Protein backbone atom coordinates (compact mmCIF):
# COMPACT_ATOMS: atom_id res chain seq x y z
CA MET A 1 -17.75 4.46 4.10
CA THR A 2 -19.42 1.77 6.23
CA ALA A 3 -19.18 -0.90 3.53
CA ILE A 4 -15.90 -2.39 2.37
CA THR A 5 -14.84 -4.87 -0.30
CA LEU A 6 -11.90 -7.21 0.24
CA ILE A 7 -10.03 -7.91 -3.02
CA GLY A 8 -7.41 -10.64 -2.96
CA ALA A 9 -4.54 -10.26 -5.43
CA PRO A 10 -2.37 -13.35 -4.89
CA SER A 11 0.69 -12.48 -6.95
CA ASP A 12 4.37 -12.30 -6.11
CA ALA A 13 5.42 -11.79 -9.75
CA GLY A 14 6.94 -8.43 -8.89
CA ALA A 15 9.03 -9.67 -5.95
CA ALA A 16 12.39 -11.33 -5.56
CA ARG A 17 11.12 -14.03 -3.19
CA LEU A 18 8.14 -16.33 -3.47
CA GLY A 19 5.43 -16.31 -0.81
CA ALA A 20 3.61 -12.97 -0.95
CA ALA A 21 1.03 -14.66 -3.19
CA MET A 22 -0.19 -16.40 -0.03
CA GLY A 23 -0.68 -13.06 1.73
CA PRO A 24 -4.41 -12.60 1.04
CA ASP A 25 -5.29 -15.98 2.52
CA ALA A 26 -2.97 -15.44 5.52
CA LEU A 27 -4.91 -12.25 6.29
CA ARG A 28 -8.18 -14.13 6.00
CA VAL A 29 -6.90 -16.90 8.31
CA ALA A 30 -5.96 -14.15 10.78
CA GLY A 31 -9.62 -13.05 10.73
CA LEU A 32 -9.51 -9.74 8.87
CA GLY A 33 -13.11 -9.86 7.62
CA PRO A 34 -14.72 -10.83 10.95
CA ALA A 35 -12.55 -8.31 12.82
CA LEU A 36 -13.86 -5.48 10.64
CA ALA A 37 -17.42 -6.77 10.88
CA ARG A 38 -17.20 -6.53 14.68
CA LEU A 39 -16.62 -2.79 14.22
CA GLY A 40 -20.03 -2.48 12.56
CA ILE A 41 -18.66 -2.50 9.01
CA GLU A 42 -20.43 -4.39 6.24
CA VAL A 43 -17.77 -6.64 4.69
CA LYS A 44 -17.92 -8.19 1.24
CA ASP A 45 -15.08 -10.54 0.29
CA LEU A 46 -14.64 -11.02 -3.45
CA GLY A 47 -12.16 -13.81 -2.88
CA ASN A 48 -8.98 -13.88 -4.94
CA LEU A 49 -8.63 -12.48 -8.43
CA ALA A 50 -7.34 -14.81 -11.13
CA GLY A 51 -4.05 -14.17 -12.89
CA PRO A 52 -0.87 -15.74 -14.24
CA PRO A 53 1.59 -17.59 -12.02
CA ASN A 54 5.05 -16.32 -11.22
CA PRO A 55 7.32 -17.67 -14.00
CA GLN A 56 10.51 -17.03 -11.98
CA ALA A 57 12.27 -15.76 -15.09
CA VAL A 58 15.42 -13.67 -15.44
CA PRO A 59 15.12 -9.93 -16.22
CA THR A 60 14.42 -8.85 -19.81
CA HIS A 61 15.38 -5.28 -20.72
CA GLY A 62 15.76 -4.47 -17.04
CA LEU A 63 12.42 -5.97 -16.01
CA ARG A 64 11.20 -9.25 -14.56
CA HIS A 65 7.73 -10.55 -15.37
CA LEU A 66 6.36 -7.38 -16.95
CA ASP A 67 3.55 -9.14 -18.83
CA GLU A 68 2.39 -11.01 -15.73
CA CYS A 69 2.48 -7.87 -13.59
CA VAL A 70 0.51 -5.88 -16.17
CA THR A 71 -2.17 -8.59 -16.26
CA TRP A 72 -2.46 -8.60 -12.46
CA ASN A 73 -2.61 -4.81 -12.26
CA ARG A 74 -5.34 -4.63 -14.87
CA ALA A 75 -7.40 -7.10 -12.84
CA VAL A 76 -6.82 -5.08 -9.66
CA PHE A 77 -7.67 -1.85 -11.47
CA GLN A 78 -11.03 -3.24 -12.59
CA ALA A 79 -11.94 -4.73 -9.19
CA VAL A 80 -11.04 -1.56 -7.27
CA SER A 81 -12.90 0.58 -9.82
CA ASP A 82 -16.01 -1.57 -9.43
CA ALA A 83 -15.91 -1.24 -5.63
CA LEU A 84 -15.54 2.54 -5.81
CA ASP A 85 -18.38 2.78 -8.33
CA ASP A 86 -20.56 0.89 -5.82
CA ALA A 87 -19.63 3.41 -3.08
CA ARG A 88 -17.65 0.77 -1.18
CA LEU A 89 -14.19 1.13 0.34
CA PRO A 90 -11.82 -1.26 -1.47
CA ILE A 91 -9.11 -3.09 0.47
CA MET A 92 -6.62 -4.68 -1.90
CA LEU A 93 -4.95 -7.66 -0.24
CA GLY A 94 -1.58 -8.37 -1.81
CA GLY A 95 0.54 -9.84 -3.03
CA ASP A 96 3.59 -7.69 -3.57
CA HIS A 97 3.65 -3.90 -3.83
CA GLN A 98 3.71 -3.64 -7.63
CA LEU A 99 -0.04 -4.28 -7.40
CA ALA A 100 -0.48 -0.75 -6.05
CA VAL A 101 -0.13 0.51 -9.62
CA GLY A 102 -3.52 -1.07 -10.32
CA SER A 103 -5.21 -0.04 -7.08
CA ILE A 104 -3.93 3.54 -6.96
CA GLY A 105 -4.42 3.87 -10.71
CA ALA A 106 -8.09 2.99 -10.22
CA VAL A 107 -8.40 5.46 -7.34
CA ALA A 108 -6.75 8.20 -9.41
CA HIS A 109 -9.17 7.54 -12.27
CA HIS A 110 -12.10 7.67 -9.83
CA CYS A 111 -10.87 10.92 -8.29
CA HIS A 112 -10.50 12.49 -11.73
CA ALA A 113 -14.09 11.57 -12.58
CA GLN A 114 -15.40 12.82 -9.22
CA GLY A 115 -13.38 16.05 -9.16
CA LYS A 116 -11.57 15.01 -5.97
CA ARG A 117 -7.92 15.43 -5.01
CA LEU A 118 -6.00 12.24 -4.29
CA HIS A 119 -3.65 12.02 -1.32
CA VAL A 120 -1.64 8.82 -0.82
CA LEU A 121 0.06 7.76 2.40
CA TRP A 122 2.78 5.29 1.43
CA LEU A 123 3.84 3.33 4.56
CA ASP A 124 6.98 1.45 3.56
CA ALA A 125 10.65 0.78 4.29
CA HIS A 126 11.39 1.49 0.61
CA SER A 127 10.63 4.39 -1.70
CA ASP A 128 9.80 2.11 -4.68
CA CYS A 129 10.99 4.85 -7.07
CA ASN A 130 13.14 2.70 -9.33
CA THR A 131 12.76 2.51 -13.11
CA PRO A 132 13.99 -0.24 -15.47
CA GLU A 133 17.12 1.83 -16.13
CA LEU A 134 17.86 2.32 -12.42
CA SER A 135 16.74 -0.92 -10.82
CA PRO A 136 19.57 -3.26 -9.76
CA SER A 137 17.21 -6.27 -9.75
CA GLY A 138 14.48 -5.64 -12.32
CA ASN A 139 11.84 -6.50 -9.71
CA LEU A 140 8.70 -4.48 -10.35
CA HIS A 141 7.73 -4.22 -6.68
CA GLY A 142 10.53 -1.65 -6.45
CA MET A 143 8.98 0.54 -9.19
CA PRO A 144 5.29 1.31 -8.47
CA VAL A 145 5.76 4.92 -7.31
CA ALA A 146 7.80 5.78 -10.39
CA ALA A 147 5.18 4.11 -12.59
CA LEU A 148 2.39 6.08 -10.94
CA TYR A 149 4.31 9.25 -11.78
CA GLY A 150 4.42 8.23 -15.44
CA LEU A 151 7.92 6.76 -15.47
CA GLY A 152 8.92 3.26 -16.40
CA PRO A 153 7.07 0.64 -18.49
CA ALA A 154 4.31 2.28 -20.55
CA PRO A 155 1.65 -0.41 -19.85
CA LEU A 156 1.94 0.38 -16.14
CA ALA A 157 2.67 4.12 -16.39
CA THR A 158 -0.54 4.69 -18.39
CA LEU A 159 -2.76 2.15 -16.64
CA SER A 160 -5.09 4.72 -15.05
CA GLY A 161 -5.80 6.51 -18.31
CA GLU A 162 -4.26 9.69 -16.90
CA THR A 163 -0.54 10.22 -17.34
CA PRO A 164 0.68 10.41 -14.70
CA ALA A 165 -1.77 9.00 -12.16
CA LEU A 166 -0.02 11.01 -9.43
CA ARG A 167 1.05 14.65 -9.49
CA PRO A 168 3.56 16.50 -7.29
CA GLY A 169 2.23 16.68 -3.76
CA ASP A 170 -0.10 13.69 -4.09
CA ILE A 171 1.98 11.27 -2.01
CA CYS A 172 3.63 11.22 1.39
CA GLN A 173 6.04 8.40 2.24
CA ILE A 174 6.60 7.36 5.86
CA GLY A 175 9.05 4.88 7.42
CA LEU A 176 11.73 4.78 4.70
CA ARG A 177 15.08 3.25 5.68
CA SER A 178 16.31 1.42 2.55
CA VAL A 179 16.69 3.67 -0.49
CA ASP A 180 19.03 3.11 -3.45
CA ASP A 181 21.34 5.97 -4.43
CA ASP A 182 19.53 6.54 -7.73
CA GLU A 183 16.21 6.49 -5.88
CA LYS A 184 17.43 9.28 -3.60
CA ARG A 185 17.87 11.45 -6.66
CA MET A 186 14.50 10.32 -8.03
CA ILE A 187 12.78 11.37 -4.78
CA GLN A 188 14.23 14.85 -5.24
CA LYS A 189 13.30 14.93 -8.91
CA LEU A 190 9.68 14.01 -8.15
CA GLY A 191 9.51 16.33 -5.16
CA LEU A 192 8.09 13.68 -2.85
CA GLU A 193 7.19 14.43 0.77
CA VAL A 194 9.20 11.83 2.70
CA TYR A 195 9.66 11.06 6.39
CA ASP A 196 12.34 8.43 6.92
CA MET A 197 13.07 6.64 10.20
CA ARG A 198 15.47 9.38 11.25
CA ALA A 199 12.63 11.90 10.99
CA ILE A 200 10.42 9.62 13.09
CA ASP A 201 13.21 9.27 15.67
CA GLU A 202 13.80 13.02 15.83
CA LEU A 203 10.24 14.36 15.56
CA GLY A 204 8.11 11.48 16.83
CA MET A 205 5.25 9.74 15.06
CA ARG A 206 2.64 12.24 16.29
CA GLU A 207 4.36 15.20 14.63
CA ILE A 208 5.02 13.20 11.45
CA MET A 209 1.37 12.23 11.14
CA GLN A 210 0.15 15.75 11.83
CA ARG A 211 2.27 16.95 8.94
CA ALA A 212 1.29 14.06 6.66
CA LEU A 213 -2.43 14.55 7.29
CA ARG A 214 -2.64 18.33 7.14
CA GLY A 215 -5.02 19.89 4.62
CA LEU A 216 -7.44 16.98 4.36
CA ASP A 217 -11.01 18.10 3.68
CA ASP A 218 -14.18 16.89 1.96
CA GLY A 219 -12.52 17.30 -1.43
CA VAL A 220 -9.74 14.81 -0.67
CA HIS A 221 -9.73 11.04 -1.22
CA LEU A 222 -7.19 9.52 1.21
CA HIS A 223 -5.58 6.28 0.07
CA VAL A 224 -3.30 4.28 2.39
CA SER A 225 -0.78 1.89 0.85
CA PHE A 226 0.49 -0.24 3.75
CA ASP A 227 3.57 -2.34 3.03
CA VAL A 228 4.16 -4.68 5.97
CA ASP A 229 7.91 -3.99 5.88
CA PHE A 230 7.00 -0.54 7.25
CA LEU A 231 7.05 -2.41 10.57
CA ASP A 232 10.18 -3.54 12.35
CA PRO A 233 10.91 -7.22 11.52
CA GLU A 234 11.12 -8.04 15.23
CA ILE A 235 7.33 -7.66 15.37
CA ALA A 236 6.55 -8.46 11.71
CA PRO A 237 8.98 -11.09 10.37
CA GLY A 238 6.62 -12.36 7.67
CA THR A 239 7.73 -10.27 4.72
CA GLY A 240 10.23 -10.84 1.94
CA THR A 241 11.73 -7.35 2.11
CA ALA A 242 12.40 -6.93 5.84
CA VAL A 243 14.70 -4.10 6.93
CA ARG A 244 15.70 -3.76 10.56
CA GLY A 245 15.12 -0.52 12.46
CA GLY A 246 11.50 -0.04 11.45
CA VAL A 247 8.36 1.27 13.10
CA ASN A 248 7.53 -0.33 16.45
CA TYR A 249 4.12 -1.45 17.66
CA ARG A 250 3.13 1.72 19.53
CA GLU A 251 4.32 3.98 16.70
CA ALA A 252 2.31 1.91 14.22
CA GLN A 253 -0.81 2.04 16.40
CA LEU A 254 -0.56 5.82 16.71
CA CYS A 255 -0.09 6.14 12.95
CA MET A 256 -3.23 4.09 12.29
CA GLU A 257 -5.31 5.81 14.97
CA MET A 258 -4.44 9.28 13.68
CA ILE A 259 -5.43 8.25 10.15
CA ALA A 260 -8.72 6.92 11.54
CA ASP A 261 -9.30 10.19 13.42
CA THR A 262 -9.44 12.08 10.10
CA GLY A 263 -12.38 10.01 8.86
CA ARG A 264 -10.99 10.50 5.33
CA MET A 265 -9.54 7.12 4.36
CA ALA A 266 -11.45 5.84 1.33
CA SER A 267 -9.23 3.02 0.00
CA LEU A 268 -6.45 0.77 1.30
CA ASP A 269 -3.68 -1.57 0.15
CA ILE A 270 -2.19 -4.24 2.42
CA VAL A 271 0.84 -5.78 0.73
CA GLU A 272 3.98 -7.89 1.16
CA VAL A 273 2.64 -10.27 3.82
CA ASN A 274 4.67 -13.45 3.24
CA PRO A 275 3.50 -16.31 5.47
CA ALA A 276 6.30 -18.55 4.18
CA LEU A 277 8.70 -16.39 6.18
CA ASP A 278 6.44 -15.88 9.17
CA LEU A 279 6.12 -17.52 12.58
CA ARG A 280 2.65 -18.98 13.24
CA ASN A 281 1.02 -16.22 11.13
CA GLN A 282 1.96 -13.56 13.69
CA THR A 283 2.56 -10.89 11.03
CA ALA A 284 -0.89 -11.27 9.50
CA GLU A 285 -2.43 -11.24 12.99
CA LEU A 286 -0.56 -8.02 13.81
CA VAL A 287 -1.75 -6.46 10.55
CA VAL A 288 -5.36 -7.33 11.41
CA ASP A 289 -4.87 -5.64 14.79
CA LEU A 290 -3.48 -2.49 13.15
CA VAL A 291 -6.16 -2.39 10.46
CA GLN A 292 -8.84 -2.45 13.15
CA SER A 293 -7.24 0.71 14.56
CA LEU A 294 -7.21 2.15 11.05
CA PHE A 295 -10.99 1.72 11.00
CA GLY A 296 -11.58 3.34 14.35
CA LYS A 297 -10.97 0.77 17.08
CA SER A 298 -9.56 2.55 20.14
CA THR A 299 -9.12 1.99 23.86
CA LEU A 300 -11.46 4.86 24.79
CA ALA A 301 -14.28 6.66 23.01
CA ARG A 302 -12.78 9.61 21.16
CA ASP A 303 -14.42 12.93 20.34
CA LEU A 304 -13.36 13.53 16.74
CA ARG A 305 -14.91 17.00 16.70
CA ARG A 306 -12.03 18.44 18.71
């Protein structure tokens, strides 16, 4: 698609720390829209969606802020659906990662209607496979993958209208390095394709991406869910869920460039940018740099027919 829609979702209701709600505006300050426009892309910015504030409440029945998170995800679902219906590529600007239930739920609904197969690349330090019974914190940004597979709170697990939104083989997780013991068993139960940091160290990012992107054709809708804690905190300190030992700058650039080479990406999440923890907005500026590569910016002209 040559037309994109930026959708701000300024909520940190699913996170343990405040600040991700400022992520959409930090990305705008870093020049995301103009940077994409310079690549010849028509950019429409919807501004920020409206929703409830973070009540900073204690967990109830193993969950924090379920009602608020459901409201935000419904708003995201509608906005992403509208963009897809208009043949535009939606970029959801979070906010914390629980908002991916709404964005990916909308994409799954769209794929079902269009007869397309959904493939999700989940770039993250965490697997986000917790459920209310398993979560040690009750924070919903640790549960979106489980919810998309039909597990967890019913209002989120059934948001897309299909239960589950994702099926075995629909998702590939890259960059994991912080996974709870119960989540390790959940990954096996769900049969997820996962490449943790050890796999990246042993195989290299090129081999990982070749495996993650195999089998993409005209019948596939590729969705990228980019959690900023995928990156090493030495280069991206502005996130509330930083884990050391992450993807470095060159590895991240190669990851983005290889996704761009496929020409298949049709929707995108950018989540967990927290400018309150950042240094002079350097994390948002780095994300803008990487997203340009995701949309085809490269050092040399590349022949994608090879």
